[in-house]
C-alpha cells in the first residue's frame, strides 16, 4: 500500500512540474512576441492568463491603474497582475527609499528595468509612476466652464471657470487648482471672486508626506478682500488610500498678507500676520462614471486679518464621454470677523454658491 501512495505522489509531482514548465514556456513565448510589438501600447497580463492592451498609469498601495480604450480606467489588485510591459520611462520607488527610472518589465518573480543588469523582487516595489523624463506622462489637467444667461425683465449673467492640474511621480506630487465666479444683474456686478491654490508634496512613506511649500490667492471684494496671499508649509498623512477612496489630511504654519478693498478713515488697508491651517481632501469613486469629492480647510488667523476662515467644497463629477465631464459643486466660504467697508457696512460672514459646469480633461 505505501508503494501505491509513493507512486501516486510522484505521478502528481512530475505532472505538475511538466504543466508548470509548459505554462512557463508559453509565458515566455507570449512575452517575446509582445516585447517585439511593443511600440505603441503598454501590456498587462493577469494571473488568469488574460492580456490587456492600453496605457499604464501608476501603481500605488497594492493597486495598479491601467487605462484601456475599450474598458476605460481600471484599478486592478496588484496580486492579480502577473506581468507588465511598459513602453515609456517610469519612476520606480523601492522599499529602501531608492528610486530608479527606465522601461519596466514586471514578471511573476522578478522585476527588470531597462539599462540595469540587476533584477528585483516585485514585493520590493512601493510605487510606480510616470517619470519626469516622459513628457506629459505624469501630468493631469482639467478645465471647466459654466454659464447661465437670463434676458427679459431681468438681465442676469453668471460665469464660472475652474482649473485642476496635477502632477505625480513615485516620490512627489504637485497640485494646482483655481475657481473663479462672476455674476452681474442688470449690469450691476453682484459676485466677483477668485480662489487659487497650489501645493507641492514629497512622500516620505506611502502614507506620510512633507509639504515644503503651499500657496493660496483669494479675492472677494464683497467680503472686503481685494487680495489675500498665503504662503506656508506643513505635513500630511493619508488616512485612507484605496482604489475607491482617498482621504488625506494636512496641517502647518503660514504667512498671509491681506489687502482690503475699502476701509474706514484712519484704519489700515493691509494686514500681514502669521496663521495656521488644517486641511482635509477626500475623493470617492461612487461608480465608474461618478466621482465625489469633499475639500475642507480651516485657517486660524488674527481678528485684524478678518479672523478665522473656513472654506469647503463638495462636488460630483459625472463622466459624459471619456474626456468630458459634467461637474456640480457647492462652495461655502466663512470669515469670522469681516472688516467693515469705508461706509461702515460689515460684510456677511457666510457666502454660498452652487456651480454647474462642463469640464474637459486635457
Protein backbone atom coordinates (compact mmCIF):
# COMPACT_ATOMS: atom_id res chain seq x y z
CA UNK A 1 0.00 0.00 0.00
CA UNK A 2 2.76 2.57 0.79
CA UNK A 3 4.24 1.90 -2.65
CA UNK A 4 0.91 2.88 -4.23
CA UNK A 5 0.91 6.25 -2.35
CA UNK A 6 4.51 6.93 -3.32
CA UNK A 7 3.76 6.15 -6.97
CA UNK A 8 0.69 8.40 -6.91
CA UNK A 9 2.65 11.24 -5.28
CA UNK A 10 5.49 11.03 -7.83
CA UNK A 11 2.99 10.96 -10.70
CA UNK A 12 1.23 14.09 -9.46
CA UNK A 13 4.53 15.87 -8.75
CA UNK A 14 6.04 15.28 -12.19
CA UNK A 15 2.72 16.08 -13.90
CA UNK A 16 2.58 19.37 -12.03
CA UNK A 17 6.21 20.10 -12.92
CA UNK A 18 5.55 19.37 -16.59
CA UNK A 19 2.49 21.63 -16.61
CA UNK A 20 4.50 24.38 -14.89
CA UNK A 21 7.26 24.09 -17.49
CA UNK A 22 4.70 24.18 -20.31
CA UNK A 23 3.00 27.22 -18.77
CA UNK A 24 6.36 28.92 -18.27
CA UNK A 25 7.36 28.22 -21.88
CA UNK A 26 4.05 29.63 -23.13
CA UNK A 27 4.50 32.66 -20.91
CA UNK A 28 8.00 33.28 -22.31
CA UNK A 29 6.71 32.97 -25.88
CA UNK A 30 3.92 35.48 -25.21
CA UNK A 31 6.39 37.89 -23.64
CA UNK A 32 8.80 37.74 -26.57
CA UNK A 33 6.02 38.41 -29.10
CA UNK A 34 4.65 41.39 -27.15
CA UNK A 35 8.05 42.92 -26.49
CA UNK A 36 8.78 42.91 -30.24
CA UNK A 37 5.40 44.50 -30.97
CA UNK A 38 5.53 46.90 -28.04
CA UNK A 39 5.93 50.15 -29.96
CA UNK A 40 2.57 51.75 -29.21
CA UNK A 41 0.93 50.26 -26.11
CA UNK A 42 1.67 49.06 -22.60
CA UNK A 43 0.74 45.42 -21.95
CA UNK A 44 -0.55 43.88 -18.74
CA UNK A 45 -1.03 40.14 -18.11
CA UNK A 46 -3.39 38.93 -15.39
CA UNK A 47 -2.83 35.76 -13.36
CA UNK A 48 -5.80 34.30 -15.26
CA UNK A 49 -3.73 34.45 -18.46
CA UNK A 50 -5.64 37.40 -19.98
CA UNK A 51 -3.71 40.22 -21.65
CA UNK A 52 -4.77 43.89 -21.53
CA UNK A 53 -3.57 46.47 -24.05
CA UNK A 54 -3.57 50.17 -23.18
CA UNK A 55 -1.68 52.68 -21.07
CA UNK A 56 -0.14 52.04 -17.66
CA UNK A 57 -0.91 54.97 -15.35
CA UNK A 58 0.51 54.19 -11.91
CA UNK A 59 0.85 51.65 -9.13
CA UNK A 60 0.19 52.70 -5.53
CA UNK A 61 -0.84 50.92 -2.36
CA UNK A 62 -1.06 47.47 -3.98
CA UNK A 63 -3.28 48.68 -6.82
CA UNK A 64 -2.44 49.07 -10.50
CA UNK A 65 -4.13 51.82 -12.53
CA UNK A 66 -4.41 50.88 -16.19
CA UNK A 67 -6.34 52.65 -18.96
CA UNK A 68 -7.87 50.78 -21.87
CA UNK A 69 -9.63 52.38 -24.84
CA UNK A 70 -12.46 49.85 -24.56
CA UNK A 71 -12.59 49.14 -20.80
CA UNK A 72 -11.72 52.71 -19.70
CA UNK A 73 -9.69 53.20 -16.48
CA UNK A 74 -9.20 50.02 -14.46
CA UNK A 75 -7.97 49.57 -10.89
CA UNK A 76 -6.56 46.06 -10.53
CA UNK A 77 -5.31 44.36 -7.39
CA UNK A 78 -1.54 44.02 -7.60
CA UNK A 79 -1.73 40.33 -6.70
CA UNK A 80 -3.82 39.75 -9.85
CA UNK A 81 -1.11 41.17 -12.13
CA UNK A 82 1.39 38.60 -13.37
CA UNK A 83 3.31 40.74 -15.84
CA UNK A 84 3.64 44.33 -17.05
CA UNK A 85 5.50 45.59 -20.11
CA UNK A 86 5.84 49.39 -20.30
CA UNK A 87 6.81 51.33 -23.43
CA UNK A 88 7.52 54.59 -21.58
CA UNK A 89 10.01 55.61 -18.92
CA UNK A 90 8.69 55.04 -15.42
CA UNK A 91 9.85 56.10 -11.98
CA UNK A 92 10.02 53.11 -9.60
CA UNK A 93 10.37 53.53 -5.85
CA UNK A 94 11.58 50.63 -3.69
CA UNK A 95 11.20 49.75 -0.01
CA UNK A 96 14.67 51.03 0.85
CA UNK A 97 13.78 54.51 -0.47
CA UNK A 98 15.79 54.29 -3.70
CA UNK A 99 14.22 55.41 -6.96
CA UNK A 100 15.15 54.01 -10.37
CA UNK A 101 13.90 55.06 -13.80
CA UNK A 102 13.52 53.23 -17.08
CA UNK A 103 11.30 50.97 -19.15
CA UNK A 104 9.78 48.49 -16.72
CA UNK A 105 9.25 44.75 -17.11
CA UNK A 106 7.46 43.07 -14.22
CA UNK A 107 7.35 39.28 -14.31
CA UNK A 108 5.86 36.72 -11.91
CA UNK A 109 9.03 36.52 -9.81
CA UNK A 110 11.40 39.26 -10.99
CA UNK A 111 11.39 42.93 -11.97
CA UNK A 112 13.82 44.29 -14.54
CA UNK A 113 14.46 47.86 -15.59
CA UNK A 114 15.99 48.85 -18.92
CA UNK A 115 19.72 49.69 -18.78
CA UNK A 116 20.03 47.89 -15.44
CA UNK A 117 21.69 44.48 -15.03
CA UNK A 118 20.10 43.99 -11.61
CA UNK A 119 16.82 42.15 -11.12
CA UNK A 120 14.45 42.97 -8.27
CA UNK A 121 11.69 41.22 -6.37
CA UNK A 122 8.15 42.51 -7.17
CA UNK A 123 7.42 42.73 -3.43
CA UNK A 124 10.20 45.33 -3.07
CA UNK A 125 8.29 47.90 -5.15
CA UNK A 126 6.47 50.62 -3.19
CA UNK A 127 5.09 52.64 -6.10
CA UNK A 128 5.42 53.23 -9.83
CA UNK A 129 4.55 56.44 -11.68
CA UNK A 130 5.40 58.16 -14.98
CA UNK A 131 8.84 59.70 -14.98
CA UNK A 132 9.51 63.40 -15.36
CA UNK A 133 11.52 62.38 -18.45
CA UNK A 134 8.31 61.14 -20.05
CA UNK A 135 6.90 64.45 -21.26
CA UNK A 136 3.29 64.85 -20.21
CA UNK A 137 3.20 61.35 -18.75
CA UNK A 138 2.85 62.44 -15.13
CA UNK A 139 0.51 65.36 -15.79
CA UNK A 140 -3.26 65.63 -15.50
CA UNK A 141 -5.22 68.77 -16.36
CA UNK A 142 -8.91 69.61 -16.40
CA UNK A 143 -10.58 72.88 -17.38
CA UNK A 144 -14.23 73.62 -16.61
CA UNK A 145 -16.55 76.37 -17.86
CA UNK A 146 -20.08 77.23 -16.82
CA UNK A 147 -22.57 79.95 -17.80
CA UNK A 148 -26.15 80.98 -17.03
CA UNK A 149 -27.79 83.76 -19.04
CA UNK A 150 -31.18 85.36 -18.31
CA UNK A 151 -32.74 88.01 -20.57
CA UNK A 152 -36.08 89.83 -20.47
CA UNK A 153 -37.45 91.62 -17.41
CA UNK A 154 -34.22 90.72 -15.62
CA UNK A 155 -30.85 90.57 -17.32
CA UNK A 156 -28.54 88.31 -15.35
CA UNK A 157 -25.26 86.73 -16.41
CA UNK A 158 -23.34 84.14 -14.42
CA UNK A 159 -19.91 82.81 -15.38
CA UNK A 160 -17.66 80.30 -13.65
CA UNK A 161 -14.32 78.76 -14.52
CA UNK A 162 -12.29 76.01 -12.86
CA UNK A 163 -8.78 74.70 -13.41
CA UNK A 164 -7.38 71.49 -11.90
CA UNK A 165 -3.76 70.50 -12.58
CA UNK A 166 -1.92 67.53 -11.07
CA UNK A 167 1.50 66.01 -11.50
CA UNK A 168 2.55 62.92 -9.57
CA UNK A 169 5.70 60.81 -9.61
CA UNK A 170 6.84 57.97 -7.36
CA UNK A 171 8.17 60.43 -4.77
CA UNK A 172 6.25 63.71 -5.08
CA UNK A 173 3.13 65.44 -6.37
CA UNK A 174 2.13 68.92 -7.48
CA UNK A 175 -1.49 70.09 -7.12
CA UNK A 176 -2.81 73.37 -8.57
CA UNK A 177 -6.46 74.38 -8.74
CA UNK A 178 -8.42 77.57 -9.24
CA UNK A 179 -12.06 78.64 -9.06
CA UNK A 180 -13.48 81.91 -10.39
CA UNK A 181 -17.10 83.12 -10.37
CA UNK A 182 -18.69 86.32 -11.64
CA UNK A 183 -22.36 87.36 -11.59
CA UNK A 184 -23.97 90.54 -12.91
CA UNK A 185 -27.61 91.55 -12.53
CA UNK A 186 -28.93 94.37 -14.76
CA UNK A 187 -25.32 95.38 -15.45
CA UNK A 188 -24.51 95.54 -11.72
CA UNK A 189 -21.84 93.10 -10.56
CA UNK A 190 -23.12 91.11 -7.57
CA UNK A 191 -20.36 88.49 -7.33
CA UNK A 192 -16.74 88.51 -8.39
CA UNK A 193 -14.31 86.19 -6.60
CA UNK A 194 -11.23 84.11 -7.34
CA UNK A 195 -9.54 81.40 -5.28
CA UNK A 196 -6.36 79.68 -6.46
CA UNK A 197 -4.00 77.45 -4.53
CA UNK A 198 -1.12 75.10 -5.12
CA UNK A 199 0.83 72.55 -3.08
CA UNK A 200 3.97 70.54 -3.55
CA UNK A 201 4.24 67.33 -1.51
CA UNK A 202 7.18 64.97 -1.05
CA UNK A 203 6.30 61.44 0.09
CA UNK A 204 8.44 60.21 2.96
CA UNK A 205 6.48 56.93 3.06
CA UNK A 206 3.43 55.71 1.14
CA UNK A 207 1.24 57.41 3.79
CA UNK A 208 3.27 60.31 5.24
CA UNK A 209 4.27 63.32 3.15
CA UNK A 210 6.12 66.58 3.76
CA UNK A 211 4.75 69.78 2.24
CA UNK A 212 7.71 72.13 1.78
CA UNK A 213 5.55 74.83 0.21
CA UNK A 214 1.96 75.73 -0.47
CA UNK A 215 0.38 78.98 -1.64
CA UNK A 216 -3.10 80.44 -1.90
CA UNK A 217 -4.56 83.53 -3.52
CA UNK A 218 -8.06 84.77 -2.72
CA UNK A 219 -10.06 87.74 -3.92
CA UNK A 220 -13.62 88.73 -2.98
CA UNK A 221 -14.46 92.47 -2.88
CA UNK A 222 -17.88 91.63 -1.44
CA UNK A 223 -16.10 90.28 1.64
CA UNK A 224 -13.95 93.44 1.51
CA UNK A 225 -10.90 91.44 0.42
CA UNK A 226 -9.15 92.97 -2.58
CA UNK A 227 -6.24 90.49 -2.45
CA UNK A 228 -5.17 87.87 0.06
CA UNK A 229 -1.90 85.95 -0.27
CA UNK A 230 -0.85 82.96 1.85
CA UNK A 231 2.45 81.07 1.81
CA UNK A 232 3.31 78.19 4.13
CA UNK A 233 4.50 74.61 4.68
CA UNK A 234 3.32 71.56 6.56
CA UNK A 235 2.95 67.80 6.98
CA UNK A 236 0.27 65.45 5.69
CA UNK A 237 -0.92 61.88 6.09
CA UNK A 238 -3.10 59.54 4.02
CA UNK A 239 -5.75 58.19 6.38
CA UNK A 240 -7.24 56.02 3.61
CA UNK A 241 -5.73 55.27 0.20
CA UNK A 242 -7.56 52.58 -1.80
CA UNK A 243 -8.71 52.20 -5.39
CA UNK A 244 -12.13 53.67 -4.44
CA UNK A 245 -11.41 56.09 -1.60
CA UNK A 246 -8.60 58.58 -0.93
CA UNK A 247 -8.54 60.74 2.18
CA UNK A 248 -5.56 62.76 3.35
CA UNK A 249 -5.19 65.46 5.99
CA UNK A 250 -2.52 68.14 6.31
CA UNK A 251 -1.57 70.97 8.64
CA UNK A 252 1.11 73.61 9.03
CA UNK A 253 2.04 77.26 9.61
CA UNK A 254 1.68 80.02 7.05
CA UNK A 255 2.26 83.71 6.49
CA UNK A 256 -0.57 85.75 5.00
CA UNK A 257 -0.99 89.28 3.68
CA UNK A 258 -4.45 90.79 3.23
CA UNK A 259 -5.27 93.90 1.22
CA UNK A 260 -8.76 95.22 1.98
CA UNK A 261 -10.97 96.68 -0.74
CA UNK A 262 -12.08 99.75 1.27
CA UNK A 263 -11.70 100.71 4.93
CA UNK A 264 -12.90 103.50 7.20
CA UNK A 265 -10.83 106.65 7.53
CA UNK A 266 -7.85 106.07 9.81
CA UNK A 267 -7.95 102.24 9.50
CA UNK A 268 -5.16 100.21 7.93
CA UNK A 269 -5.92 98.92 4.44
CA UNK A 270 -3.44 95.99 4.72
CA UNK A 271 -2.59 93.34 7.28
CA UNK A 272 0.35 90.93 7.48
CA UNK A 273 0.23 88.15 10.03
CA UNK A 274 1.03 84.52 10.83
CA UNK A 275 -1.63 81.83 10.55
CA UNK A 276 -2.08 78.07 10.88
CA UNK A 277 -4.14 75.83 8.62
CA UNK A 278 -5.72 72.37 8.82
CA UNK A 279 -6.87 70.81 5.53
CA UNK A 280 -8.74 67.67 4.52
CA UNK A 281 -9.16 66.26 0.99
CA UNK A 282 -11.45 63.34 0.21
CA UNK A 283 -12.13 61.67 -3.16
CA UNK A 284 -14.52 58.75 -3.58
CA UNK A 285 -15.31 56.80 -6.72
CA UNK A 286 -19.04 56.11 -6.33
CA UNK A 287 -19.29 54.31 -9.68
CA UNK A 288 -17.07 54.02 -12.74
CA UNK A 289 -18.75 57.18 -14.10
CA UNK A 290 -19.34 59.24 -10.92
CA UNK A 291 -16.66 60.67 -8.61
CA UNK A 292 -17.43 62.51 -5.38
CA UNK A 293 -15.12 64.95 -3.57
CA UNK A 294 -15.06 66.99 -0.41
CA UNK A 295 -12.31 69.52 0.37
CA UNK A 296 -12.18 71.49 3.62
CA UNK A 297 -9.73 73.99 5.08
CA UNK A 298 -9.74 75.81 8.42
CA UNK A 299 -7.30 78.70 8.83
CA UNK A 300 -6.55 80.22 12.23
CA UNK A 301 -5.98 83.97 11.70
CA UNK A 302 -5.98 87.08 13.94
CA UNK A 303 -9.05 89.30 14.06
CA UNK A 304 -7.16 92.13 12.34
CA UNK A 305 -6.97 89.93 9.23
CA UNK A 306 -10.65 89.02 9.35
CA UNK A 307 -10.43 86.28 11.96
CA UNK A 308 -10.57 82.53 11.42
CA UNK A 309 -11.56 81.47 7.91
CA UNK A 310 -13.19 78.30 6.58
CA UNK A 311 -13.54 77.02 3.04
CA UNK A 312 -15.41 73.90 1.92
CA UNK A 313 -16.20 72.43 -1.47
CA UNK A 314 -18.46 69.43 -2.01
CA UNK A 315 -18.80 68.22 -5.58
CA UNK A 316 -19.62 65.46 -8.02
CA UNK A 317 -18.06 64.78 -11.41
CA UNK A 318 -20.12 62.75 -13.88
CA UNK A 319 -18.47 61.28 -16.99
CA UNK A 320 -20.28 62.13 -20.21
CA UNK A 321 -17.57 60.91 -22.55
CA UNK A 322 -14.00 59.78 -21.99
CA UNK A 323 -12.72 63.38 -21.81
CA UNK A 324 -15.81 65.47 -20.96
CA UNK A 325 -17.44 65.64 -17.51
CA UNK A 326 -20.46 67.37 -16.03
CA UNK A 327 -19.45 68.89 -12.68
CA UNK A 328 -21.62 70.05 -9.78
CA UNK A 329 -20.02 71.96 -6.89
CA UNK A 330 -21.34 73.52 -3.70
CA UNK A 331 -18.90 76.07 -2.25
CA UNK A 332 -19.02 77.62 1.23
CA UNK A 333 -16.73 80.42 2.46
CA UNK A 334 -16.81 81.74 6.01
CA UNK A 335 -14.96 84.65 7.62
CA UNK A 336 -15.30 85.06 11.36
CA UNK A 337 -14.74 88.83 11.65
CA UNK A 338 -15.14 90.62 8.28
CA UNK A 339 -13.55 94.09 8.12
CA UNK A 340 -16.05 96.94 7.67
CA UNK A 341 -16.12 98.88 4.38
CA UNK A 342 -15.41 102.60 4.15
CA UNK A 343 -19.14 103.34 4.68
CA UNK A 344 -19.21 101.24 7.88
CA UNK A 345 -21.05 98.28 6.32
CA UNK A 346 -19.85 94.92 7.64
CA UNK A 347 -19.93 92.09 5.06
CA UNK A 348 -21.79 88.90 5.94
CA UNK A 349 -19.77 86.06 7.40
CA UNK A 350 -21.08 83.34 5.06
CA UNK A 351 -21.01 83.02 1.29
CA UNK A 352 -22.60 80.12 -0.61
CA UNK A 353 -22.64 79.28 -4.30
CA UNK A 354 -23.70 76.37 -6.47
CA UNK A 355 -21.71 75.86 -9.66
CA UNK A 356 -22.63 73.78 -12.70
CA UNK A 357 -20.00 73.37 -15.39
CA UNK A 358 -18.66 71.16 -18.15
CA UNK A 359 -15.09 70.00 -17.68
CA UNK A 360 -12.63 68.87 -20.34
CA UNK A 361 -9.72 66.63 -19.39
CA UNK A 362 -6.54 67.53 -21.25
